[in-house]
Every structure is written in structure tokens, then in C-alpha cells.
C-alpha atoms as a PDB file:
ATOM      1  CA  MET A   1      54.930  81.022  55.448  1.00  0.00           C
ATOM      2  CA  PRO A   2      55.437  84.740  56.291  1.00  0.00           C
ATOM      3  CA  ALA A   3      55.465  87.317  53.527  1.00  0.00           C
ATOM      4  CA  PRO A   4      58.960  88.414  52.425  1.00  0.00           C
ATOM      5  CA  ASP A   5      58.605  91.828  54.072  1.00  0.00           C
ATOM      6  CA  GLU A   6      57.468  90.436  57.445  1.00  0.00           C
ATOM      7  CA  PRO A   7      60.094  89.941  60.214  1.00  0.00           C
ATOM      8  CA  ALA A   8      60.947  86.354  60.995  1.00  0.00           C
ATOM      9  CA  ALA A   9      59.640  84.997  64.287  1.00  0.00           C
ATOM     10  CA  ALA A  10      62.119  85.074  67.157  1.00  0.00           C
ATOM     11  CA  VAL A  11      63.895  81.797  67.768  1.00  0.00           C
ATOM     12  CA  GLY A  12      64.630  80.574  71.275  1.00  0.00           C
ATOM     13  CA  PRO A  13      63.663  81.927  74.705  1.00  0.00           C
ATOM     14  CA  PRO A  14      63.148  85.664  75.187  1.00  0.00           C
ATOM     15  CA  LEU A  15      66.198  87.670  76.167  1.00  0.00           C
ATOM     16  CA  PRO A  16      66.369  88.618  79.861  1.00  0.00           C
ATOM     17  CA  VAL A  17      65.518  92.177  80.765  1.00  0.00           C
ATOM     18  CA  VAL A  18      68.448  93.901  82.474  1.00  0.00           C
ATOM     19  CA  PRO A  19      67.143  96.229  85.184  1.00  0.00           C
ATOM     20  CA  ASP A  20      68.510  99.706  85.690  1.00  0.00           C
ATOM     21  CA  PRO A  21      71.423  99.912  88.156  1.00  0.00           C
ATOM     22  CA  VAL A  22      70.381 100.040  91.800  1.00  0.00           C
ATOM     23  CA  ASP A  23      72.028 102.610  94.050  1.00  0.00           C
ATOM     24  CA  ASP A  24      73.790 100.394  96.569  1.00  0.00           C
ATOM     25  CA  GLY A  25      75.298 103.324  98.438  1.00  0.00           C
ATOM     26  CA  LEU A  26      78.884 102.317  97.647  1.00  0.00           C
ATOM     27  CA  ALA A  27      79.826 104.661  94.796  1.00  0.00           C
ATOM     28  CA  CYS A  28      81.305 107.868  96.161  1.00  0.00           C
ATOM     29  CA  PRO A  29      83.019 110.314  93.766  1.00  0.00           C
ATOM     30  CA  ARG A  30      86.210 111.931  95.009  1.00  0.00           C
ATOM     31  CA  ASP A  31      85.167 115.462  95.938  1.00  0.00           C
ATOM     32  CA  PHE A  32      86.730 117.708  98.552  1.00  0.00           C
ATOM     33  CA  THR A  33      83.869 120.197  98.238  1.00  0.00           C
ATOM     34  CA  ALA A  34      81.305 117.561  99.284  1.00  0.00           C
ATOM     35  CA  HIS A  35      82.572 117.800 102.883  1.00  0.00           C
ATOM     36  CA  TYR A  36      82.162 114.081 103.515  1.00  0.00           C
ATOM     37  CA  GLY A  37      83.832 114.602 106.895  1.00  0.00           C
ATOM     38  CA  ALA A  38      81.449 117.284 108.153  1.00  0.00           C
ATOM     39  CA  GLY A  39      80.686 116.663 111.819  1.00  0.00           C
ATOM     40  CA  VAL A  40      83.801 114.540 112.358  1.00  0.00           C
ATOM     41  CA  THR A  41      86.064 115.689 115.192  1.00  0.00           C
ATOM     42  CA  ARG A  42      89.139 113.515 114.596  1.00  0.00           C
ATOM     43  CA  GLY A  43      89.928 111.825 111.306  1.00  0.00           C
ATOM     44  CA  LEU A  44      92.597 109.174 110.763  1.00  0.00           C
ATOM     45  CA  VAL A  45      93.609 108.414 107.158  1.00  0.00           C
ATOM     46  CA  LEU A  46      95.805 105.370 106.520  1.00  0.00           C
ATOM     47  CA  GLY A  47      97.282 104.789 103.074  1.00  0.00           C
ATOM     48  CA  GLY A  48      98.516 101.768 101.166  1.00  0.00           C
ATOM     49  CA  GLY A  49     101.975 100.275 100.816  1.00  0.00           C
ATOM     50  CA  GLY A  50     102.056  96.483 101.143  1.00  0.00           C
ATOM     51  CA  ILE A  51     102.934  94.395 104.195  1.00  0.00           C
ATOM     52  CA  VAL A  52     105.995  96.556 104.848  1.00  0.00           C
ATOM     53  CA  PHE A  53     103.885  99.695 105.270  1.00  0.00           C
ATOM     54  CA  VAL A  54     101.425  97.722 107.403  1.00  0.00           C
ATOM     55  CA  ALA A  55     104.350  97.033 109.741  1.00  0.00           C
ATOM     56  CA  TRP A  56     105.448 100.670 109.702  1.00  0.00           C
ATOM     57  CA  GLN A  57     101.944 101.966 110.453  1.00  0.00           C
ATOM     58  CA  VAL A  58     101.308  99.445 113.231  1.00  0.00           C
ATOM     59  CA  ALA A  59     104.622 100.332 114.904  1.00  0.00           C
ATOM     60  CA  TYR A  60     104.101 104.073 114.412  1.00  0.00           C
ATOM     61  CA  LEU A  61     100.570 104.090 115.811  1.00  0.00           C
ATOM     62  CA  ARG A  62     101.520 101.753 118.653  1.00  0.00           C
ATOM     63  CA  ALA A  63     104.370 104.117 119.606  1.00  0.00           C
ATOM     64  CA  LEU A  64     101.874 106.987 119.724  1.00  0.00           C
ATOM     65  CA  GLU A  65      99.409 104.902 121.743  1.00  0.00           C
ATOM     66  CA  GLU A  66     102.071 103.889 124.270  1.00  0.00           C
ATOM     67  CA  ARG A  67     102.757 107.577 124.868  1.00  0.00           C
ATOM     68  CA  GLY A  68      99.138 108.403 125.541  1.00  0.00           C
ATOM     69  CA  VAL A  69      98.050 109.616 122.104  1.00  0.00           C
ATOM     70  CA  PRO A  70      94.385 108.566 121.597  1.00  0.00           C
ATOM     71  CA  VAL A  71      94.658 107.251 118.036  1.00  0.00           C
ATOM     72  CA  GLY A  72      91.738 104.878 118.599  1.00  0.00           C
ATOM     73  CA  ASP A  73      89.402 107.753 119.461  1.00  0.00           C
ATOM     74  CA  ALA A  74      89.119 108.897 115.841  1.00  0.00           C
ATOM     75  CA  ASP A  75      85.490 109.109 114.762  1.00  0.00           C
ATOM     76  CA  ARG A  76      86.368 108.631 111.067  1.00  0.00           C
ATOM     77  CA  ILE A  77      89.038 106.068 110.141  1.00  0.00           C
ATOM     78  CA  VAL A  78      89.739 105.781 106.405  1.00  0.00           C
ATOM     79  CA  GLY A  79      91.753 102.820 105.160  1.00  0.00           C
ATOM     80  CA  THR A  80      93.043 102.218 101.637  1.00  0.00           C
ATOM     81  CA  SER A  81      94.744  99.039 100.447  1.00  0.00           C
ATOM     82  CA  ALA A  82      97.200  97.952 103.164  1.00  0.00           C
ATOM     83  CA  GLY A  83      95.881 100.845 105.229  1.00  0.00           C
ATOM     84  CA  SER A  84      92.478  99.146 105.338  1.00  0.00           C
ATOM     85  CA  VAL A  85      93.999  96.334 107.399  1.00  0.00           C
ATOM     86  CA  VAL A  86      95.583  98.748 109.875  1.00  0.00           C
ATOM     87  CA  ALA A  87      92.415 100.863 109.971  1.00  0.00           C
ATOM     88  CA  THR A  88      90.403  97.782 110.928  1.00  0.00           C
ATOM     89  CA  LEU A  89      92.880  96.920 113.677  1.00  0.00           C
ATOM     90  CA  VAL A  90      92.666 100.463 115.065  1.00  0.00           C
ATOM     91  CA  ALA A  91      88.858 100.473 114.899  1.00  0.00           C
ATOM     92  CA  SER A  92      88.824  97.083 116.661  1.00  0.00           C
ATOM     93  CA  GLY A  93      91.139  98.223 119.453  1.00  0.00           C
ATOM     94  CA  LYS A  94      93.623  95.485 118.499  1.00  0.00           C
ATOM     95  CA  LEU A  95      96.693  97.567 117.761  1.00  0.00           C
ATOM     96  CA  ARG A  96      98.653  96.139 120.676  1.00  0.00           C
ATOM     97  CA  ARG A  97      97.988  92.524 119.669  1.00  0.00           C
ATOM     98  CA  ALA A  98      98.760  93.332 116.048  1.00  0.00           C
ATOM     99  CA  HIS A  99     102.068  94.911 117.021  1.00  0.00           C
ATOM    100  CA  PHE A 100     103.033  91.778 118.934  1.00  0.00           C
ATOM    101  CA  GLU A 101     102.143  89.563 115.975  1.00  0.00           C
ATOM    102  CA  VAL A 102     103.998  91.716 113.451  1.00  0.00           C
ATOM    103  CA  GLU A 103     106.960  91.851 115.834  1.00  0.00           C
ATOM    104  CA  THR A 104     106.939  88.052 115.954  1.00  0.00           C
ATOM    105  CA  LEU A 105     106.929  88.015 112.158  1.00  0.00           C
ATOM    106  CA  ALA A 106     109.934  90.337 112.222  1.00  0.00           C
ATOM    107  CA  LYS A 107     111.901  87.818 114.275  1.00  0.00           C
ATOM    108  CA  LEU A 108     111.277  85.079 111.730  1.00  0.00           C
ATOM    109  CA  PRO A 109     111.510  86.777 108.324  1.00  0.00           C
ATOM    110  CA  LYS A 110     113.523  84.004 106.682  1.00  0.00           C
ATOM    111  CA  LEU A 111     111.080  81.375 107.907  1.00  0.00           C
ATOM    112  CA  ILE A 112     108.097  83.362 106.650  1.00  0.00           C
ATOM    113  CA  ALA A 113     109.791  83.951 103.310  1.00  0.00           C
ATOM    114  CA  ALA A 114     110.438  80.219 103.017  1.00  0.00           C
ATOM    115  CA  MET A 115     106.837  79.389 103.885  1.00  0.00           C
ATOM    116  CA  ALA A 116     105.476  81.823 101.307  1.00  0.00           C
ATOM    117  CA  PRO A 117     107.987  81.991  98.451  1.00  0.00           C
ATOM    118  CA  ALA A 118     107.288  84.452  95.682  1.00  0.00           C
ATOM    119  CA  GLN A 119     105.578  82.619  92.859  1.00  0.00           C
ATOM    120  CA  GLU A 120     106.231  83.405  89.237  1.00  0.00           C
ATOM    121  CA  LEU A 121     103.315  85.434  87.928  1.00  0.00           C
ATOM    122  CA  ARG A 122     101.328  84.310  84.900  1.00  0.00           C
ATOM    123  CA  ARG A 123     101.247  86.476  81.796  1.00  0.00           C
ATOM    124  CA  SER A 124      97.667  87.584  82.514  1.00  0.00           C
ATOM    125  CA  GLN A 125      98.741  88.709  85.976  1.00  0.00           C
ATOM    126  CA  LEU A 126     101.711  90.623  84.629  1.00  0.00           C
ATOM    127  CA  VAL A 127      99.487  92.399  82.099  1.00  0.00           C
ATOM    128  CA  ALA A 128      97.169  93.666  84.844  1.00  0.00           C
ATOM    129  CA  LEU A 129     100.027  94.631  87.140  1.00  0.00           C
ATOM    130  CA  HIS A 130     101.824  96.426  84.310  1.00  0.00           C
ATOM    131  CA  LYS A 131      98.714  98.412  83.386  1.00  0.00           C
ATOM    132  CA  PHE A 132      98.360  99.527  86.994  1.00  0.00           C
ATOM    133  CA  TRP A 133     101.967 100.498  87.647  1.00  0.00           C
ATOM    134  CA  THR A 134     102.488 102.254  84.314  1.00  0.00           C
ATOM    135  CA  ALA A 135      99.256 104.272  84.420  1.00  0.00           C
ATOM    136  CA  THR A 136      99.888 108.014  84.514  1.00  0.00           C
ATOM    137  CA  ASP A 137      96.383 109.296  85.222  1.00  0.00           C
ATOM    138  CA  ASP A 138      93.101 108.358  86.884  1.00  0.00           C
ATOM    139  CA  ASP A 139      90.896 108.976  83.860  1.00  0.00           C
ATOM    140  CA  PRO A 140      87.821 106.684  84.065  1.00  0.00           C
ATOM    141  CA  ASP A 141      88.858 104.910  80.855  1.00  0.00           C
ATOM    142  CA  THR A 142      92.300 104.228  82.339  1.00  0.00           C
ATOM    143  CA  VAL A 143      90.843 102.829  85.555  1.00  0.00           C
ATOM    144  CA  ARG A 144      88.335 100.657  83.664  1.00  0.00           C
ATOM    145  CA  ASP A 145      91.147  99.324  81.461  1.00  0.00           C
ATOM    146  CA  ILE A 146      93.052  98.308  84.596  1.00  0.00           C
ATOM    147  CA  GLY A 147      89.854  96.762  85.934  1.00  0.00           C
ATOM    148  CA  ARG A 148      89.295  94.675  82.796  1.00  0.00           C
ATOM    149  CA  ALA A 149      92.823  93.327  83.057  1.00  0.00           C
ATOM    150  CA  ALA A 150      92.347  92.599  86.764  1.00  0.00           C
ATOM    151  CA  LEU A 151      89.137  90.683  86.063  1.00  0.00           C
ATOM    152  CA  ALA A 152      90.807  88.726  83.245  1.00  0.00           C
ATOM    153  CA  ALA A 153      93.931  87.785  85.211  1.00  0.00           C
ATOM    154  CA  VAL A 154      94.275  84.203  86.424  1.00  0.00           C
ATOM    155  CA  THR A 155      94.901  84.790  90.133  1.00  0.00           C
ATOM    156  CA  PRO A 156      94.596  82.757  93.338  1.00  0.00           C
ATOM    157  CA  ASP A 157      91.059  81.816  94.376  1.00  0.00           C
ATOM    158  CA  VAL A 158      88.912  84.837  95.246  1.00  0.00           C
ATOM    159  CA  ASP A 159      88.517  83.612  98.844  1.00  0.00           C
ATOM    160  CA  THR A 160      92.255  83.239  99.503  1.00  0.00           C
ATOM    161  CA  LEU A 161      92.930  86.818 100.603  1.00  0.00           C
ATOM    162  CA  PRO A 162      89.778  87.226 102.760  1.00  0.00           C
ATOM    163  CA  ARG A 163      90.620  83.980 104.584  1.00  0.00           C
ATOM    164  CA  SER A 164      94.145  85.192 105.303  1.00  0.00           C
ATOM    165  CA  LEU A 165      92.930  88.586 106.485  1.00  0.00           C
ATOM    166  CA  ALA A 166      90.287  86.984 108.710  1.00  0.00           C
ATOM    167  CA  LEU A 167      93.140  85.360 110.640  1.00  0.00           C
ATOM    168  CA  VAL A 168      94.986  88.671 110.941  1.00  0.00           C
ATOM    169  CA  LEU A 169      91.927  90.709 111.899  1.00  0.00           C
ATOM    170  CA  ALA A 170      90.394  87.981 114.099  1.00  0.00           C
ATOM    171  CA  ARG A 171      86.876  89.135 113.304  1.00  0.00           C
ATOM    172  CA  ARG A 172      84.193  89.115 110.607  1.00  0.00           C
ATOM    173  CA  ARG A 173      81.777  91.734 111.911  1.00  0.00           C
ATOM    174  CA  TRP A 174      82.310  95.433 111.268  1.00  0.00           C
ATOM    175  CA  PRO A 175      84.120  96.852 114.318  1.00  0.00           C
ATOM    176  CA  SER A 176      82.861 100.438 114.305  1.00  0.00           C
ATOM    177  CA  PRO A 177      80.803 102.904 112.263  1.00  0.00           C
ATOM    178  CA  ALA A 178      83.966 105.033 112.177  1.00  0.00           C
ATOM    179  CA  LEU A 179      85.653 102.596 109.768  1.00  0.00           C
ATOM    180  CA  HIS A 180      85.506 103.527 106.069  1.00  0.00           C
ATOM    181  CA  ILE A 181      87.308 101.258 103.574  1.00  0.00           C
ATOM    182  CA  THR A 182      87.948 102.336  99.994  1.00  0.00           C
ATOM    183  CA  ALA A 183      87.911 100.126  96.906  1.00  0.00           C
ATOM    184  CA  VAL A 184      87.320 100.552  93.173  1.00  0.00           C
ATOM    185  CA  ASP A 185      84.660  98.880  91.025  1.00  0.00           C
ATOM    186  CA  ALA A 186      86.709  96.976  88.443  1.00  0.00           C
ATOM    187  CA  ALA A 187      83.955  97.224  85.807  1.00  0.00           C
ATOM    188  CA  THR A 188      82.835 100.840  86.160  1.00  0.00           C
ATOM    189  CA  GLY A 189      85.964 102.458  87.620  1.00  0.00           C
ATOM    190  CA  GLU A 190      83.909 104.063  90.397  1.00  0.00           C
ATOM    191  CA  ARG A 191      85.477 104.760  93.783  1.00  0.00           C
ATOM    192  CA  CYS A 192      83.529 102.778  96.389  1.00  0.00           C
ATOM    193  CA  VAL A 193      83.456 103.434 100.116  1.00  0.00           C
ATOM    194  CA  ILE A 194      82.499 100.419 102.223  1.00  0.00           C
ATOM    195  CA  THR A 195      81.052 101.008 105.690  1.00  0.00           C
ATOM    196  CA  GLU A 196      79.115  98.866 108.132  1.00  0.00           C
ATOM    197  CA  ARG A 197      75.894  99.826 106.320  1.00  0.00           C
ATOM    198  CA  ALA A 198      76.915  97.618 103.379  1.00  0.00           C
ATOM    199  CA  GLY A 199      76.630  94.472 105.494  1.00  0.00           C
ATOM    200  CA  VAL A 200      79.909  93.109 104.098  1.00  0.00           C
ATOM    201  CA  PRO A 201      82.245  91.080 106.366  1.00  0.00           C
ATOM    202  CA  VAL A 202      85.232  93.255 107.198  1.00  0.00           C
ATOM    203  CA  PRO A 203      87.850  90.723 105.952  1.00  0.00           C
ATOM    204  CA  ARG A 204      86.140  90.785 102.543  1.00  0.00           C
ATOM    205  CA  ALA A 205      86.076  94.597 102.493  1.00  0.00           C
ATOM    206  CA  ALA A 206      89.760  94.822 103.451  1.00  0.00           C
ATOM    207  CA  ALA A 207      90.564  92.190 100.825  1.00  0.00           C
ATOM    208  CA  ALA A 208      88.788  94.238  98.155  1.00  0.00           C
ATOM    209  CA  SER A 209      90.738  97.335  99.142  1.00  0.00           C
ATOM    210  CA  SER A 210      93.987  95.328  99.039  1.00  0.00           C
ATOM    211  CA  SER A 211      93.399  93.411  95.790  1.00  0.00           C
ATOM    212  CA  VAL A 212      96.292  94.703  93.713  1.00  0.00           C
ATOM    213  CA  PRO A 213      95.444  94.134  90.024  1.00  0.00           C
ATOM    214  CA  GLY A 214      97.100  90.958  88.814  1.00  0.00           C
ATOM    215  CA  ILE A 215      98.128  89.806  92.285  1.00  0.00           C
ATOM    216  CA  PHE A 216      94.736  89.119  93.858  1.00  0.00           C
ATOM    217  CA  ALA A 217      91.298  88.653  92.329  1.00  0.00           C
ATOM    218  CA  PRO A 218      88.795  91.535  92.518  1.00  0.00           C
ATOM    219  CA  GLN A 219      86.444  90.814  95.404  1.00  0.00           C
ATOM    220  CA  PRO A 220      82.636  90.411  95.324  1.00  0.00           C
ATOM    221  CA  ILE A 221      81.156  93.369  97.203  1.00  0.00           C
ATOM    222  CA  LEU A 222      77.365  93.258  96.903  1.00  0.00           C
ATOM    223  CA  ASP A 223      76.774  93.126  93.113  1.00  0.00           C
ATOM    224  CA  ARG A 224      80.196  94.540  92.254  1.00  0.00           C
ATOM    225  CA  ARG A 225      83.703  93.215  91.789  1.00  0.00           C
ATOM    226  CA  CYS A 226      86.088  95.559  93.556  1.00  0.00           C
ATOM    227  CA  MET A 227      89.847  95.981  93.324  1.00  0.00           C
ATOM    228  CA  ASP A 228      92.549  97.864  95.209  1.00  0.00           C
ATOM    229  CA  GLY A 229      91.494 101.239  96.586  1.00  0.00           C
ATOM    230  CA  GLY A 230      94.695 102.770  95.245  1.00  0.00           C
ATOM    231  CA  THR A 231      93.738 102.239  91.593  1.00  0.00           C
ATOM    232  CA  ALA A 232      91.568 105.355  91.265  1.00  0.00           C
ATOM    233  CA  GLY A 233      94.061 108.179  91.593  1.00  0.00           C
ATOM    234  CA  SER A 234      94.725 108.204  95.330  1.00  0.00           C
ATOM    235  CA  GLY A 235      96.453 105.960  97.830  1.00  0.00           C
ATOM    236  CA  THR A 236      94.835 107.713 100.791  1.00  0.00           C
ATOM    237  CA  HIS A 237      91.464 109.275  99.754  1.00  0.00           C
ATOM    238  CA  PRO A 238      91.678 112.193 102.197  1.00  0.00           C
ATOM    239  CA  ASP A 239      88.521 113.781 100.763  1.00  0.00           C
ATOM    240  CA  LEU A 240      86.586 111.394 103.015  1.00  0.00           C
ATOM    241  CA  VAL A 241      87.587 113.531 106.007  1.00  0.00           C
ATOM    242  CA  ALA A 242      87.155 116.907 104.253  1.00  0.00           C
ATOM    243  CA  GLY A 243      85.249 119.186 106.585  1.00  0.00           C
ATOM    244  CA  ALA A 244      86.381 117.358 109.731  1.00  0.00           C
ATOM    245  CA  ASP A 245      87.840 119.421 112.542  1.00  0.00           C
ATOM    246  CA  ARG A 246      91.271 117.775 112.255  1.00  0.00           C
ATOM    247  CA  ALA A 247      92.861 114.780 110.549  1.00  0.00           C
ATOM    248  CA  LEU A 248      96.075 112.783 110.786  1.00  0.00           C
ATOM    249  CA  VAL A 249      97.164 111.344 107.427  1.00  0.00           C
ATOM    250  CA  LEU A 250      99.749 108.554 107.185  1.00  0.00           C
ATOM    251  CA  ALA A 251     101.134 107.895 103.706  1.00  0.00           C
ATOM    252  CA  LEU A 252     103.969 105.773 102.382  1.00  0.00           C
ATOM    253  CA  ALA A 253     105.357 108.776 100.498  1.00  0.00           C
ATOM    254  CA  ASP A 254     104.081 112.002  99.031  1.00  0.00           C
ATOM    255  CA  SER A 255     104.539 110.704  95.413  1.00  0.00           C
ATOM    256  CA  GLY A 256     106.554 113.856  94.718  1.00  0.00           C
ATOM    257  CA  ASP A 257     107.077 115.073  91.190  1.00  0.00           C
ATOM    258  CA  VAL A 258     106.968 111.646  89.581  1.00  0.00           C
ATOM    259  CA  GLY A 259     103.559 110.368  90.635  1.00  0.00           C
ATOM    260  CA  LEU A 260     102.691 106.827  91.627  1.00  0.00           C
ATOM    261  CA  ALA A 261     100.569 104.561  89.410  1.00  0.00           C
ATOM    262  CA  THR A 262      97.235 106.354  88.797  1.00  0.00           C
ATOM    263  CA  ALA A 263      98.170 109.178  91.181  1.00  0.00           C
ATOM    264  CA  ALA A 264      99.492 111.992  89.005  1.00  0.00           C
ATOM    265  CA  PRO A 265     102.619 113.962  89.965  1.00  0.00           C
ATOM    266  CA  GLY A 266     101.767 116.352  92.779  1.00  0.00           C
ATOM    267  CA  ALA A 267      98.354 114.729  93.372  1.00  0.00           C
ATOM    268  CA  PHE A 268      99.022 113.892  97.013  1.00  0.00           C
ATOM    269  CA  ALA A 269     100.127 117.423  97.910  1.00  0.00           C
ATOM    270  CA  ALA A 270      97.193 118.861  95.973  1.00  0.00           C
ATOM    271  CA  GLY A 271      94.835 116.632  97.939  1.00  0.00           C
ATOM    272  CA  ILE A 272      96.245 117.810 101.245  1.00  0.00           C
ATOM    273  CA  ASP A 273      95.908 121.430 100.096  1.00  0.00           C
ATOM    274  CA  ALA A 274      92.273 120.755  99.151  1.00  0.00           C
ATOM    275  CA  LEU A 275      91.677 119.151 102.537  1.00  0.00           C
ATOM    276  CA  THR A 276      93.026 122.250 104.255  1.00  0.00           C
ATOM    277  CA  ALA A 277      90.911 124.475 102.005  1.00  0.00           C
ATOM    278  CA  ALA A 278      87.857 122.499 103.159  1.00  0.00           C
ATOM    279  CA  GLY A 279      88.533 123.781 106.667  1.00  0.00           C
ATOM    280  CA  THR A 280      90.238 120.696 108.089  1.00  0.00           C
ATOM    281  CA  ARG A 281      93.395 121.056 110.149  1.00  0.00           C
ATOM    282  CA  VAL A 282      95.840 118.449 108.872  1.00  0.00           C
ATOM    283  CA  GLU A 283      98.974 116.703 110.068  1.00  0.00           C
ATOM    284  CA  VAL A 284     100.711 114.516 107.484  1.00  0.00           C
ATOM    285  CA  ARG A 285     103.350 111.927 108.253  1.00  0.00           C
ATOM    286  CA  THR A 286     105.186 109.836 105.663  1.00  0.00           C
ATOM    287  CA  SER A 287     107.557 106.959 106.256  1.00  0.00           C
ATOM    288  CA  ARG A 288     111.311 107.306 105.912  1.00  0.00           C
ATOM    289  CA  LEU A 289     111.481 103.938 104.183  1.00  0.00           C
ATOM    290  CA  PRO A 290     113.861 103.966 101.198  1.00  0.00           C
ATOM    291  CA  ARG A 291     112.007 104.469  97.927  1.00  0.00           C
ATOM    292  CA  ASP A 292     113.375 101.200  96.526  1.00  0.00           C
ATOM    293  CA  THR A 293     111.952  99.119  99.405  1.00  0.00           C
ATOM    294  CA  MET A 294     110.209  95.954  98.205  1.00  0.00           C
ATOM    295  CA  LEU A 295     106.855  96.479  99.876  1.00  0.00           C
ATOM    296  CA  MET A 296     105.713  92.837  99.784  1.00  0.00           C
ATOM    297  CA  ASP A 297     109.014  91.381 101.037  1.00  0.00           C
ATOM    298  CA  PRO A 298     108.732  89.976 104.615  1.00  0.00           C
ATOM    299  CA  ARG A 299     112.482  90.466 105.039  1.00  0.00           C
ATOM    300  CA  GLN A 300     111.887  94.232 105.065  1.00  0.00           C
ATOM    301  CA  VAL A 301     109.463  94.024 108.011  1.00  0.00           C
ATOM    302  CA  PRO A 302     112.059  94.344 110.831  1.00  0.00           C
ATOM    303  CA  ALA A 303     113.432  97.605 109.432  1.00  0.00           C
ATOM    304  CA  ALA A 304     109.909  98.945 108.880  1.00  0.00           C
ATOM    305  CA  LEU A 305     108.922  98.141 112.465  1.00  0.00           C
ATOM    306  CA  ALA A 306     112.009  99.822 113.873  1.00  0.00           C
ATOM    307  CA  LEU A 307     111.561 102.897 111.703  1.00  0.00           C
ATOM    308  CA  GLY A 308     107.856 103.191 112.493  1.00  0.00           C
ATOM    309  CA  ALA A 309     108.524 102.964 116.224  1.00  0.00           C
ATOM    310  CA  GLU A 310     111.304 105.542 115.957  1.00  0.00           C
ATOM    311  CA  GLN A 311     109.198 108.020 113.993  1.00  0.00           C
ATOM    312  CA  GLY A 312     106.206 107.474 116.283  1.00  0.00           C
ATOM    313  CA  ALA A 313     108.298 108.225 119.354  1.00  0.00           C
ATOM    314  CA  GLU A 314     109.650 111.378 117.707  1.00  0.00           C
ATOM    315  CA  ASP A 315     106.169 112.588 116.743  1.00  0.00           C
ATOM    316  CA  ALA A 316     104.223 111.631 119.871  1.00  0.00           C
ATOM    317  CA  ASP A 317     104.262 115.035 121.563  1.00  0.00           C
ATOM    318  CA  ALA A 318     103.297 116.949 118.428  1.00  0.00           C
ATOM    319  CA  ILE A 319     100.584 114.496 117.349  1.00  0.00           C
ATOM    320  CA  GLY A 320      99.253 114.252 120.889  1.00  0.00           C
ATOM    321  CA  ALA A 321      98.869 118.029 121.087  1.00  0.00           C
ATOM    322  CA  PHE A 322      97.268 118.102 117.640  1.00  0.00           C
ATOM    323  CA  LEU A 323      94.652 115.465 118.463  1.00  0.00           C
ATOM    324  CA  ALA A 324      93.925 116.716 121.989  1.00  0.00           C
END
């Protein structure tokens, strides 16, 4: 029997030793002074905004392409949230096919809505979604709080969104080294940038970038669980082309004086100013979609397609000269 002042012997198996974190190359702090885009000639930055903004971007870029603007020649294509889907289509050279498919969707919005009715969200989902949409800053503690709620939410199976996107993208392999997809580590709050070097199937990467907290489950990316790229203070992440010769940025809106989720008021404009200060020539285009548009409503797709095509036709000469 041990003496009273001796520690008792440990009971049970030894505790596992947790190794130090391994640098997986995904974490990438937002920093316009890092000149992540140095050496890039043409950058294309595509922001988030649900299936409606996917339709707008596809129609806009297709209108440019039809008029001879070389949108697919960008040597850095950054996609965030819904923009990650469009970015993958551009990098794959599948914009024309995508436009046809989205156009077909536009002709059958009632049928699509009937096939995929909006389901009532569980309380855990609403908690995560509420934390995201009511956030007013991108402080690391705020982002991690959103991440905890996203991880705790009871959502559809983690493979549901990647399977759906695999059908849309019609590929698993990374299409081009130009493609950079943003996401956010739900546990640490770090901004992650996924490229072909990560060895992640592109539908999984796009799903991570599009996993809105509370709507879809954070996705397994290497040893991380990653959520929507728009949860860390930016819906576009233009710093990833800072230092490039020129960049075209497509955003749903400029967020104005009211901000948008974790993007503070004026953050978008400040980011574009910082991009210009980094020596990059910038053209920014935002949609003319009404601010009250329901971005996940298939019934809004026809109007988004028409508006995207109209704006693309209007801008073709100016954007063509800019990218030439």
C-alpha cells in the first residue's frame, strides 16, 4: 500500500499523445501586403451568393465569352462559396455547357422547386445560420463561434453536397493550377485556400467553400472540417490576387454601409482599395439583382440569367479591353 504522500498509480491505458499541428499548406491569412498574386497576369475573382448568383455569373461570363473576351485565360481564378462552383466551371472550360444547363433549369423553375421543396430547418441549424447572418465582425472568436455552431448543427449527410456538385461540375480531378478555392476551418477560424496541391477532389473543395453554416455540414478537407468561404470576413477574398497585373472581381453586391454577415460595413470597398494599393489594376462588377432576392430560390434563376446576360453584353467591350 503506497504511503499517504505518494501519488496513486494511474488507472487505465495511457493517454494518447497529441502531436503538434502539421502545416498542411491550407491556412492562408488574409493579407494584401503578402502579394499572393505576384507573377499573375490576369486574375478572376468570383464571389458568393447562392444558386441565383451562380446563374448570374454563368450568364455574365458566357456573354463576355461569346463576344470574344478571354475569361478562361485567367492564370489565377479565385472562387468563394457559390463562386467556387463557377470558378471550377471556368477553369474546366465548361462555361458553355453550364450556361445551357442553367438555362434549362430556368425553363423549369416550378418543377425544380417541386422536386426540391424547402425543408423546415432544425433548431440546431437555425442557431448556426443565425450566428452567421447576425455576426458583425470577423474577429477569430466570432468565426470560431460560428464554426462550433456549424459543427453542432444536425444537417444533411456530409456527402450530400459533394455528390450534387460532382454532377454539376462533371469532374473529380482538379481542372487547373489556376483554380484557388477558399474555405474556413470551422474549429480554428483560419482562412484556408485549397489548390490542386492539396490533393482534394474538386467537388469536395467546392462543397466546403459552399457549406453555409446550418444548411450544409462542414466538409472534411485533409485533417480539417471546413465551412463556407464567406464566413471569415470576405465574400470574395481579393487579397489572393494582390500583386497581379490586373483582376476582374465579380461580387453580388458591395455590402455598402451596412455590411454583410462577417464582412463589416465598407469592408468590400476597403479590400478593393487595398488591392489597388498593391499595384493591381482592378475592374469590379456587381449584379443589379434586387437586394431582397432570395438567393437559394430556383424561381429567381430566370431573372438572374437574363440580368447577367444583359450586364455581360453591356460590359463586354470595356472588360475585353481591360483583359487584353
